Amino acid sequence: MLWGAGFCKLEKRLTSGRENHEKLFLFAALAVALAVTVALAAVQLPVPPETPGEARAAELPDEPENAEPADVPGEAAGEPPENGARAWALADSHSGEYLAGENASEELPMASTTKIMLALLVLETADLDEEVTVSEEAAAYADPLYSNVGLFAGDRLSVRELLLASLLASGSDASYALAGHLGGGSTGRFVDMMNERAAELGLRNTRFENPVGNDAPGHYSTARDLAALAAEALSRPEFREMVGTGSAVISTGDRQIPLESTNALLGSYPLATGVKTGTTPEAGESLVASAASGEESYVAVFLDAEDRFAAAEAALEYGFAAYDREPAVSEGGRYAETPVPYRRGESVELVAERGVDVLFGAGGEVERQVRLPEELPAEAGPGTRVGEVVVTVDGEQRGESPLVTLDGYTEASLWEKLWYTAGGIFNREE
C-alpha cells in the first residue's frame, strides 16, 4: 500500500511538471507575438529598400514602351519679322506661354482689346440666354464719338447678343449694357471685378478704368499680358466661336441689327480664328489676333501698329514655322515600374493618366522625369495615383501627368512584412 501511494504521488508530480512546462512555453510564445505586434504598431516596418524615389526614377528609360519620342523641329525659321508696332508679342494660345516680341512688357493704352476681359467675365459669371434691358448710361454710348451698334435705352437683348455686339462690332453701348447688368447696376463695380480677375490671372501690368478701353489715366496693359488674357479666353468654346464669327444679326424685338467683325484677318488669312481689334487716339491701331493649324495655335498682339493685320499675319506665320507642338507624354504610356511593398520579385507598372503636349523651337531639348513618393501606398487598385511624370523643355517645366497603377495589389500581411524584414536583416549581415 505504501509503495502504491508513493507511485501515485510521483505520477502526480510528473504530470504537474509537464503542465507547468507547457504553460511556460505558451506564455513565452504569447509574449513574443505581443512584443512583435507592439513594435510594429509603434515603429512601423521600414518601407522596402527597393521602393523607388527620385533615384529609382532616374534609371528608367526616357520613353515608355508604347510612345513615340517627340520630334525636334528642323531649321529655325530665323528671326521674327520686323514690324512698326510700338509693342508686340507672340504666345502659344494653349498655355499663354510668351514666345517672341518687342517691348512686350511696356504698359500702354489698349483700346477695345479691353473687351476681351469683359467677355471673359461675362462667360464666367452670366447666363448667355438671360435678357438685359439697355440702360440710359449704355445708350449714351450709341454716339458717333464711340464705336457702337445703335442701341436705345429700354432695348431688350440677351447676354449672348450683347456679347456678340461687343466682340464683333466692338459696340461700346452693348459693353456698357453688360457691365451695368453684371455689376448690379454699377459700372464701377464691374470694373473692380475686371481688375480682380486680372490679378487672379497674374496680369501684373494691366489696369482697367472703364469696361470698353476708352483712353483714361490708369487704363493700360502690355502686349504680353494681353496675349495671356487672350489665351485664357480662348480656352472657352463660346469665346472661340464668337471671335471666329465674321458676321451675325441680333434683335432688339422691334428691329434687326447686323454685325460685321472689325477683324479683317477673318476674311484675308485662312488660319485666323480671332480675336479683337482696338483703336483710340492714344492707343493707335491695336490688334489681338489668333490662328490655328492642326495642334498648333498662336496669339499675336500688336499695340499702336502701322499695319496691324499684315504684322499679325507675319508673326503668326513665324510661329507656325519656328515652333512645333508634339506629344511628350502619351496617355496610358508606361513610364515606370516599381516593386510592390514587402513583396520581393513583385512589381506594378505605372502609366500616364493623361497625355502631355509641349511646344518647342528648333534645337529644343525635351526631357521627362519620373517622380515617385518615398513610400508607396500599402495597397492600391488599378488607376491609383502614384507619383507623376514631368516634362521639361530646355530645363523649364512645361507639363506633367499623374502616374497611376496599371494593376492593383493588396496589402502585405503581418507575417509577409515580418518575413520581408527578417530577410532584409539577414541579407545585410551577409
Protein backbone atom coordinates (compact mmCIF):
# COMPACT_ATOMS: atom_id res chain seq x y z
CA MET A 1 0.00 0.00 0.00
CA LEU A 2 2.84 2.34 0.90
CA TRP A 3 4.51 1.57 -2.44
CA GLY A 4 1.31 2.25 -4.33
CA ALA A 5 0.74 5.59 -2.57
CA GLY A 6 4.30 6.67 -3.37
CA PHE A 7 3.86 5.84 -7.05
CA CYS A 8 0.70 7.93 -7.26
CA LYS A 9 2.47 10.93 -5.69
CA LEU A 10 5.35 10.60 -8.20
CA GLU A 11 2.96 10.38 -11.17
CA LYS A 12 1.07 13.45 -9.98
CA ARG A 13 4.30 15.42 -9.60
CA LEU A 14 5.49 14.49 -13.12
CA THR A 15 2.12 15.39 -14.59
CA SER A 16 2.18 18.72 -12.81
CA GLY A 17 5.68 19.39 -14.20
CA ARG A 18 4.57 18.77 -17.81
CA GLU A 19 1.64 21.10 -17.39
CA ASN A 20 3.88 23.80 -15.96
CA HIS A 21 6.30 23.37 -18.88
CA GLU A 22 3.51 23.66 -21.44
CA LYS A 23 2.14 26.74 -19.70
CA LEU A 24 5.61 28.31 -19.64
CA PHE A 25 6.08 27.63 -23.39
CA LEU A 26 2.68 29.04 -24.25
CA PHE A 27 3.35 32.14 -22.16
CA ALA A 28 6.69 32.70 -23.89
CA ALA A 29 5.12 32.38 -27.36
CA LEU A 30 2.38 34.82 -26.48
CA ALA A 31 4.94 37.28 -25.11
CA VAL A 32 6.99 37.14 -28.31
CA ALA A 33 3.89 37.69 -30.50
CA LEU A 34 2.77 40.59 -28.32
CA ALA A 35 6.20 42.21 -28.45
CA VAL A 36 6.32 41.94 -32.26
CA THR A 37 2.82 43.39 -32.60
CA VAL A 38 3.60 46.31 -30.30
CA ALA A 39 6.86 47.01 -32.12
CA LEU A 40 5.12 47.02 -35.48
CA ALA A 41 2.39 49.36 -34.26
CA ALA A 42 4.78 51.77 -32.59
CA VAL A 43 7.64 51.86 -35.05
CA GLN A 44 6.14 50.52 -38.31
CA LEU A 45 8.17 48.30 -40.51
CA PRO A 46 10.53 50.09 -42.87
CA VAL A 47 9.47 50.59 -46.47
CA PRO A 48 11.24 48.06 -48.66
CA PRO A 49 14.60 49.43 -49.70
CA GLU A 50 13.74 48.74 -53.34
CA THR A 51 10.81 51.20 -53.21
CA PRO A 52 11.79 53.95 -55.66
CA GLY A 53 12.09 57.66 -55.10
CA GLU A 54 13.93 60.17 -57.27
CA ALA A 55 16.99 57.95 -57.72
CA ARG A 56 14.96 54.98 -58.93
CA ALA A 57 13.10 57.14 -61.43
CA ALA A 58 16.37 58.35 -62.95
CA GLU A 59 17.19 54.78 -64.03
CA LEU A 60 14.07 54.50 -66.17
CA PRO A 61 14.20 54.94 -69.96
CA ASP A 62 13.28 58.31 -71.45
CA GLU A 63 10.40 56.86 -73.45
CA PRO A 64 7.62 54.47 -72.48
CA GLU A 65 7.33 51.21 -74.37
CA ASN A 66 4.28 52.35 -76.34
CA ALA A 67 5.10 56.03 -77.05
CA GLU A 68 7.00 57.72 -79.85
CA PRO A 69 9.59 60.37 -78.96
CA ALA A 70 8.76 63.99 -79.73
CA ASP A 71 10.31 65.25 -82.93
CA VAL A 72 12.53 68.29 -82.75
CA PRO A 73 11.77 70.93 -85.40
CA GLY A 74 14.20 71.33 -88.26
CA GLU A 75 15.99 74.50 -89.13
CA ALA A 76 14.96 77.58 -87.20
CA ALA A 77 12.67 79.97 -89.03
CA GLY A 78 15.08 82.83 -88.50
CA GLU A 79 14.32 85.98 -86.57
CA PRO A 80 10.74 87.20 -86.02
CA PRO A 81 9.55 89.51 -88.81
CA GLU A 82 10.06 93.23 -88.41
CA ASN A 83 7.02 95.41 -87.83
CA GLY A 84 6.36 99.00 -86.93
CA ALA A 85 4.37 98.34 -83.75
CA ARG A 86 5.21 100.19 -80.56
CA ALA A 87 4.96 96.85 -78.75
CA TRP A 88 4.10 93.29 -79.78
CA ALA A 89 4.09 89.74 -78.51
CA LEU A 90 3.64 86.21 -79.83
CA ALA A 91 2.39 83.48 -77.49
CA ASP A 92 1.18 79.90 -77.53
CA SER A 93 -2.60 80.12 -77.23
CA HIS A 94 -2.84 76.76 -75.45
CA SER A 95 -0.76 77.86 -72.48
CA GLY A 96 -0.26 81.61 -72.90
CA GLU A 97 3.50 81.00 -72.95
CA TYR A 98 5.39 84.01 -74.31
CA LEU A 99 7.49 83.14 -77.37
CA ALA A 100 8.70 86.35 -79.00
CA GLY A 101 8.10 90.08 -79.10
CA GLU A 102 9.46 93.56 -78.56
CA ASN A 103 8.65 95.98 -75.74
CA ALA A 104 6.20 93.28 -74.71
CA SER A 105 6.13 94.39 -71.05
CA GLU A 106 5.68 98.13 -71.71
CA GLU A 107 2.47 99.49 -70.18
CA LEU A 108 0.42 101.10 -72.96
CA PRO A 109 -3.18 102.08 -73.76
CA MET A 110 -5.02 99.05 -75.12
CA ALA A 111 -8.24 100.47 -76.62
CA SER A 112 -11.06 97.98 -77.24
CA THR A 113 -8.88 94.92 -76.70
CA THR A 114 -10.12 95.66 -73.16
CA LYS A 115 -13.33 93.90 -74.18
CA ILE A 116 -11.55 90.54 -74.05
CA MET A 117 -11.61 90.83 -70.26
CA LEU A 118 -15.23 91.95 -70.35
CA ALA A 119 -16.09 88.86 -72.41
CA LEU A 120 -14.19 86.52 -70.10
CA LEU A 121 -16.07 87.80 -67.05
CA VAL A 122 -19.41 87.59 -68.86
CA LEU A 123 -18.75 83.98 -69.87
CA GLU A 124 -17.61 83.07 -66.36
CA THR A 125 -20.47 84.65 -64.45
CA ALA A 126 -23.56 85.16 -66.66
CA ASP A 127 -26.29 83.12 -68.31
CA LEU A 128 -25.96 83.79 -72.04
CA ASP A 129 -29.70 83.44 -72.55
CA GLU A 130 -30.65 85.94 -69.84
CA GLU A 131 -32.30 89.13 -71.09
CA VAL A 132 -30.81 92.55 -70.36
CA THR A 133 -32.50 95.93 -70.58
CA VAL A 134 -30.25 98.61 -72.08
CA SER A 135 -29.76 101.44 -69.57
CA GLU A 136 -29.63 105.18 -70.22
CA GLU A 137 -25.89 105.10 -69.45
CA ALA A 138 -25.28 102.37 -72.04
CA ALA A 139 -27.44 104.04 -74.70
CA ALA A 140 -25.42 107.24 -74.29
CA TYR A 141 -22.50 105.43 -75.97
CA ALA A 142 -24.55 104.98 -79.16
CA ASP A 143 -22.85 108.12 -80.36
CA PRO A 144 -20.53 108.76 -83.33
CA LEU A 145 -17.75 109.53 -80.87
CA TYR A 146 -17.72 105.85 -79.87
CA SER A 147 -17.82 102.51 -81.61
CA ASN A 148 -21.44 101.39 -81.22
CA VAL A 149 -24.28 99.30 -82.69
CA GLY A 150 -27.06 101.84 -82.17
CA LEU A 151 -28.83 100.62 -79.04
CA PHE A 152 -31.63 102.61 -77.41
CA ALA A 153 -32.48 102.88 -73.73
CA GLY A 154 -35.08 100.21 -72.95
CA ASP A 155 -33.98 97.82 -75.71
CA ARG A 156 -34.02 94.20 -74.52
CA LEU A 157 -31.41 91.75 -75.79
CA SER A 158 -29.87 88.57 -74.49
CA VAL A 159 -26.45 88.48 -72.87
CA ARG A 160 -25.28 86.45 -75.86
CA GLU A 161 -26.40 89.11 -78.34
CA LEU A 162 -24.82 91.93 -76.37
CA LEU A 163 -21.56 90.00 -76.14
CA LEU A 164 -21.58 89.37 -79.90
CA ALA A 165 -22.10 93.10 -80.46
CA SER A 166 -19.18 93.86 -78.11
CA LEU A 167 -16.75 91.43 -79.72
CA LEU A 168 -17.65 91.59 -83.41
CA ALA A 169 -18.65 95.22 -83.95
CA SER A 170 -16.87 96.50 -80.82
CA GLY A 171 -20.10 98.11 -79.65
CA SER A 172 -19.34 100.16 -76.54
CA ASP A 173 -23.07 100.66 -75.95
CA ALA A 174 -23.51 96.87 -75.76
CA SER A 175 -20.45 96.57 -73.49
CA TYR A 176 -21.79 99.17 -71.06
CA ALA A 177 -25.14 97.38 -71.00
CA LEU A 178 -23.35 94.17 -69.97
CA ALA A 179 -21.10 95.92 -67.42
CA GLY A 180 -24.05 97.58 -65.72
CA HIS A 181 -26.04 94.36 -65.68
CA LEU A 182 -23.28 92.22 -64.18
CA GLY A 183 -22.18 94.99 -61.83
CA GLY A 184 -25.62 95.10 -60.24
CA GLY A 185 -26.35 98.46 -61.84
CA SER A 186 -22.85 99.82 -61.19
CA THR A 187 -20.31 100.01 -64.00
CA GLY A 188 -17.66 100.87 -61.41
CA ARG A 189 -18.34 97.63 -59.56
CA PHE A 190 -17.88 95.69 -62.78
CA VAL A 191 -14.57 97.45 -63.46
CA ASP A 192 -13.45 96.37 -59.98
CA MET A 193 -14.33 92.81 -60.99
CA MET A 194 -12.16 93.20 -64.09
CA ASN A 195 -9.18 94.28 -62.02
CA GLU A 196 -9.70 91.48 -59.51
CA ARG A 197 -9.77 88.92 -62.34
CA ALA A 198 -6.62 90.41 -63.85
CA ALA A 199 -4.86 89.94 -60.51
CA GLU A 200 -6.04 86.33 -60.30
CA LEU A 201 -4.63 85.67 -63.77
CA GLY A 202 -1.27 87.19 -62.80
CA LEU A 203 -1.58 90.14 -65.19
CA ARG A 204 0.63 92.41 -63.12
CA ASN A 205 0.95 95.17 -65.69
CA THR A 206 -2.74 95.56 -66.51
CA ARG A 207 -5.21 98.05 -65.04
CA PHE A 208 -8.77 98.92 -66.04
CA GLU A 209 -10.61 102.21 -65.53
CA ASN A 210 -13.58 101.51 -67.79
CA PRO A 211 -15.11 98.41 -69.42
CA VAL A 212 -14.50 99.34 -73.07
CA GLY A 213 -10.96 100.72 -73.41
CA ASN A 214 -11.56 104.45 -73.73
CA ASP A 215 -8.35 106.43 -73.17
CA ALA A 216 -8.01 107.24 -69.47
CA PRO A 217 -5.18 107.72 -66.96
CA GLY A 218 -4.51 104.42 -65.27
CA HIS A 219 -6.07 102.30 -68.06
CA TYR A 220 -3.30 100.21 -69.59
CA SER A 221 -1.93 96.78 -70.35
CA THR A 222 1.04 95.17 -72.10
CA ALA A 223 1.32 93.04 -75.19
CA ARG A 224 2.47 90.15 -73.03
CA ASP A 225 -0.45 90.44 -70.59
CA LEU A 226 -2.96 90.71 -73.41
CA ALA A 227 -1.56 87.54 -75.00
CA ALA A 228 -2.00 85.67 -71.72
CA LEU A 229 -5.51 87.09 -71.29
CA ALA A 230 -6.47 86.05 -74.82
CA ALA A 231 -5.15 82.53 -74.24
CA GLU A 232 -7.33 82.26 -71.14
CA ALA A 233 -10.40 83.49 -73.01
CA LEU A 234 -9.71 81.20 -75.98
CA SER A 235 -9.86 78.21 -73.64
CA ARG A 236 -13.65 78.75 -73.58
CA PRO A 237 -15.55 77.30 -76.58
CA GLU A 238 -18.17 80.08 -76.52
CA PHE A 239 -15.49 82.74 -76.82
CA ARG A 240 -13.72 80.94 -79.66
CA GLU A 241 -16.98 80.63 -81.54
CA MET A 242 -17.84 84.31 -81.15
CA VAL A 243 -14.47 85.82 -82.07
CA GLY A 244 -14.19 83.47 -85.04
CA THR A 245 -17.51 84.71 -86.45
CA GLY A 246 -17.35 87.14 -89.35
CA SER A 247 -20.93 88.38 -89.14
CA ALA A 248 -24.15 87.95 -87.19
CA VAL A 249 -27.57 89.53 -86.66
CA ILE A 250 -29.07 90.47 -83.29
CA SER A 251 -32.61 91.60 -82.48
CA THR A 252 -33.97 94.18 -80.06
CA GLY A 253 -37.51 92.93 -80.52
CA ASP A 254 -38.59 95.67 -82.90
CA ARG A 255 -35.59 95.81 -85.23
CA GLN A 256 -32.71 93.71 -86.56
CA ILE A 257 -29.11 94.88 -86.14
CA PRO A 258 -26.48 93.36 -88.49
CA LEU A 259 -22.99 92.91 -87.06
CA GLU A 260 -19.74 92.72 -89.01
CA SER A 261 -16.43 91.78 -87.39
CA THR A 262 -13.82 94.53 -87.31
CA ASN A 263 -11.10 91.85 -87.55
CA ALA A 264 -10.11 91.88 -91.23
CA LEU A 265 -7.91 88.80 -90.74
CA LEU A 266 -11.01 86.60 -90.62
CA GLY A 267 -11.57 87.30 -94.29
CA SER A 268 -7.97 87.52 -95.52
CA TYR A 269 -6.00 84.90 -93.58
CA PRO A 270 -7.35 81.34 -93.79
CA LEU A 271 -5.81 80.24 -90.46
CA ALA A 272 -7.23 83.18 -88.48
CA THR A 273 -9.55 82.34 -85.58
CA GLY A 274 -9.99 85.76 -83.86
CA VAL A 275 -9.73 87.83 -81.68
CA LYS A 276 -10.27 91.61 -81.19
CA THR A 277 -9.31 94.98 -82.65
CA GLY A 278 -8.95 98.29 -80.85
CA THR A 279 -8.41 101.90 -81.88
CA THR A 280 -8.25 105.14 -79.88
CA PRO A 281 -6.27 108.38 -80.31
CA GLU A 282 -3.76 107.42 -77.61
CA ALA A 283 -3.60 103.67 -78.26
CA GLY A 284 -3.41 103.92 -82.03
CA GLU A 285 -4.39 100.84 -84.03
CA SER A 286 -4.13 97.69 -81.94
CA LEU A 287 -4.97 94.05 -82.51
CA VAL A 288 -5.10 90.75 -80.65
CA ALA A 289 -5.08 88.05 -83.35
CA SER A 290 -5.15 84.27 -83.18
CA ALA A 291 -4.64 81.48 -85.69
CA ALA A 292 -4.66 77.68 -85.58
CA SER A 293 -3.34 74.86 -87.73
CA GLY A 294 -3.56 71.26 -86.57
CA GLU A 295 -2.40 71.04 -82.96
CA GLU A 296 -0.70 74.42 -83.08
CA SER A 297 -2.39 77.69 -82.16
CA TYR A 298 -0.86 81.11 -81.52
CA VAL A 299 -1.85 84.58 -80.34
CA ALA A 300 -0.19 87.72 -81.72
CA VAL A 301 -0.69 91.09 -80.01
CA PHE A 302 0.14 94.45 -81.58
CA LEU A 303 -0.19 97.78 -79.79
CA ASP A 304 0.00 101.01 -81.81
CA ALA A 305 0.87 99.28 -85.09
CA GLU A 306 1.40 100.77 -88.54
CA ASP A 307 -0.26 97.86 -90.37
CA ARG A 308 -1.69 95.63 -87.65
CA PHE A 309 -3.25 92.98 -89.89
CA ALA A 310 -0.17 92.41 -92.05
CA ALA A 311 2.05 92.42 -88.95
CA ALA A 312 -0.17 89.88 -87.19
CA GLU A 313 -0.27 87.51 -90.16
CA ALA A 314 3.53 87.62 -90.47
CA ALA A 315 4.01 86.96 -86.76
CA LEU A 316 1.53 84.08 -86.72
CA GLU A 317 3.19 82.51 -89.78
CA TYR A 318 6.52 82.82 -87.99
CA GLY A 319 5.04 80.91 -85.06
CA PHE A 320 3.94 78.02 -87.27
CA ALA A 321 7.38 77.87 -88.92
CA ALA A 322 9.54 78.28 -85.81
CA TYR A 323 7.74 76.05 -83.30
CA ASP A 324 6.25 72.59 -83.12
CA ARG A 325 3.71 71.09 -80.75
CA GLU A 326 4.33 67.40 -80.18
CA PRO A 327 3.19 64.75 -77.67
CA ALA A 328 5.81 64.36 -74.95
CA VAL A 329 3.76 62.00 -72.76
CA SER A 330 1.22 59.55 -74.13
CA GLU A 331 -1.96 58.77 -72.23
CA GLY A 332 -1.68 55.19 -70.99
CA GLY A 333 2.06 55.05 -71.75
CA ARG A 334 4.16 53.01 -69.28
CA TYR A 335 6.70 55.31 -67.63
CA ALA A 336 7.78 53.43 -64.51
CA GLU A 337 7.78 50.04 -62.83
CA THR A 338 8.10 49.86 -59.06
CA PRO A 339 8.32 46.99 -56.52
CA VAL A 340 5.21 46.14 -54.53
CA PRO A 341 5.79 46.94 -50.82
CA TYR A 342 7.12 43.97 -48.80
CA ARG A 343 7.00 41.52 -51.71
CA ARG A 344 10.26 40.57 -53.34
CA GLY A 345 10.05 39.84 -57.03
CA GLU A 346 6.65 41.54 -57.47
CA SER A 347 6.25 44.91 -59.19
CA VAL A 348 3.49 47.15 -60.53
CA GLU A 349 3.59 49.17 -63.74
CA LEU A 350 2.76 52.89 -63.64
CA VAL A 351 1.12 54.55 -66.65
CA ALA A 352 0.37 58.19 -67.53
CA GLU A 353 -3.16 59.23 -66.60
CA ARG A 354 -3.25 61.84 -69.40
CA GLY A 355 -1.18 62.94 -72.35
CA VAL A 356 1.08 65.99 -72.34
CA ASP A 357 1.86 68.03 -75.46
CA VAL A 358 4.66 70.58 -75.43
CA LEU A 359 5.67 73.43 -77.69
CA PHE A 360 9.33 73.89 -78.53
CA GLY A 361 11.55 75.55 -81.08
CA ALA A 362 14.45 74.31 -83.18
CA GLY A 363 17.06 72.52 -81.07
CA GLY A 364 14.76 72.37 -78.03
CA GLU A 365 15.62 69.55 -75.62
CA VAL A 366 12.57 67.69 -74.31
CA GLU A 367 13.10 65.60 -71.18
CA ARG A 368 10.85 63.53 -68.91
CA GLN A 369 11.42 62.90 -65.23
CA VAL A 370 9.53 60.38 -63.16
CA ARG A 371 8.86 61.43 -59.58
CA LEU A 372 7.67 58.80 -57.12
CA PRO A 373 6.89 59.13 -53.41
CA GLU A 374 9.25 57.83 -50.74
CA GLU A 375 6.56 55.41 -49.60
CA LEU A 376 4.06 53.69 -51.85
CA PRO A 377 0.51 53.02 -50.62
CA ALA A 378 0.14 49.83 -48.59
CA GLU A 379 -2.42 48.70 -51.15
CA ALA A 380 -3.67 50.07 -54.45
CA GLY A 381 -6.32 49.28 -57.01
CA PRO A 382 -5.96 49.82 -60.76
CA GLY A 383 -5.78 53.55 -61.51
CA THR A 384 -4.41 54.62 -58.11
CA ARG A 385 -2.26 57.75 -58.43
CA VAL A 386 1.37 57.10 -57.54
CA GLY A 387 3.75 59.94 -58.45
CA GLU A 388 3.94 61.85 -61.72
CA VAL A 389 5.92 62.21 -64.93
CA VAL A 390 7.16 65.77 -65.53
CA VAL A 391 8.10 67.21 -68.93
CA THR A 392 10.72 69.94 -69.31
CA VAL A 393 11.91 71.83 -72.38
CA ASP A 394 15.42 73.24 -72.10
CA GLY A 395 15.24 72.74 -68.35
CA GLU A 396 11.90 74.54 -67.85
CA GLN A 397 8.87 72.57 -66.70
CA ARG A 398 6.14 72.62 -69.35
CA GLY A 399 3.69 69.99 -68.16
CA GLU A 400 3.07 66.94 -66.05
CA SER A 401 0.78 63.93 -65.82
CA PRO A 402 -0.10 61.82 -62.77
CA LEU A 403 1.17 58.25 -62.87
CA VAL A 404 -1.39 55.58 -61.97
CA THR A 405 -1.10 51.88 -61.29
CA LEU A 406 -1.89 49.68 -64.27
CA ASP A 407 -2.90 46.80 -62.00
CA GLY A 408 -3.65 46.77 -58.29
CA TYR A 409 -2.05 44.98 -55.37
CA THR A 410 -3.24 44.05 -51.89
CA GLU A 411 -1.60 44.99 -48.62
CA ALA A 412 1.01 42.56 -47.34
CA SER A 413 0.02 40.52 -44.29
CA LEU A 414 1.73 40.89 -40.93
CA TRP A 415 3.73 37.70 -41.45
CA GLU A 416 4.74 38.79 -45.00
CA LYS A 417 6.07 42.00 -43.54
CA LEU A 418 7.95 40.09 -40.80
CA TRP A 419 9.40 37.67 -43.33
CA TYR A 420 10.44 40.54 -45.63
CA THR A 421 12.08 42.46 -42.78
CA ALA A 422 13.85 39.37 -41.48
CA GLY A 423 15.16 38.62 -44.95
CA GLY A 424 16.48 42.16 -45.22
CA ILE A 425 18.33 41.82 -41.90
CA PHE A 426 19.96 38.54 -42.89
CA ASN A 427 20.95 39.93 -46.30
CA ARG A 428 22.65 42.89 -44.64
CA GLU A 429 24.54 40.58 -42.27
CA GLU A 430 25.84 38.55 -45.21
